Amino acid sequence: MPEPVAALRSQAGAAAPAASSLFPLEVRSLGYVVNGRRLLDDLSFQIGPGKVTVVMGPNGAGKSLLLRLLHGLIEPTSGHIDWGGRPLTSELRRRQAMVFQHPVLLRRSVVANVAFALKSRGTASAERCMELLEHVGLEAHANKPARRLSGGEQQRLAIARALAVEPEVLFLDEPTASLDPSATAAIEGIVTAAHQRGTKVIFVTHNIGQARRLADEVVFLHKGRLVEHGPAAEFFTRPSSPEAQGYVEGRLVF
């Protein structure tokens, strides 16, 4: 089972994340409109390698939409997204992976789900499959049908598949939203370990406690606009906007 986040963060000599040619990630005047409704409006910010970036905001703020745009799943209505000074290409996207709130698993065994991801990179082997399953604490379930796993186990399998491609960037869209504390802690441990091995993590969550545990920096959205972007310590102790102040204090933000 993956180690708790606190233990992983305190490991002496943990490797610092390496710089990547995918960075900086620069978002310029990003907008997204559907049926005349502007869901994202003039977002501009820059993200570097290394830090865990947590995207936060009330429901409907545009958090999940932003991740899909960054990963190239949908095209923006306006603006630009550049990775290391380049637009996202199929080659650059292959160096990224994304985990959704509700994992979509193949109607196969646990190990076959991982093998499928590895085959896409031409690196499938029984040994590597089991290494990944051991990393996420699922080796004992290798031959079990994937869709018979618990919710937390399914999400760990989804992360194992994402890590199988050795991504430089790992997007996670509220992966623990419906999970109990034990399952949440296991996934946070896996994500923290991936970050310590050099993977850039961009994580959407509405859970303030989780954001405090994981974030190095926070991107805070409200009504499709970027309200704050800065170090997590400052965001949680000295938010500069009334919207972020209310959110951190647990008040309803409209």
Foldseek 3Di string as FASTA:
>chain_A
DFDFLVVLVPDPPQAFADFDLQDFKWWAQFWADDPNRTQAGGETDTDGFGFAEEEEEDPSLCQVVVVCCQLVVDDTPDTAIGGNNHGDDPVLSLQEFEAEQQDDADQAFLLVRLQVLLVVVPRHDPVLSLVLCVLLVNNVRRHPGLVPDDLLSNSSSSVSSRCSSVHQEYEYEANCVPHDPVSVRSVSSSVSSSSSVRRHYYYYDHDPVSCVSGGQWYFYGDSNYTDDTDGPVCLLPPNDDPQSVCSSVPHDHD
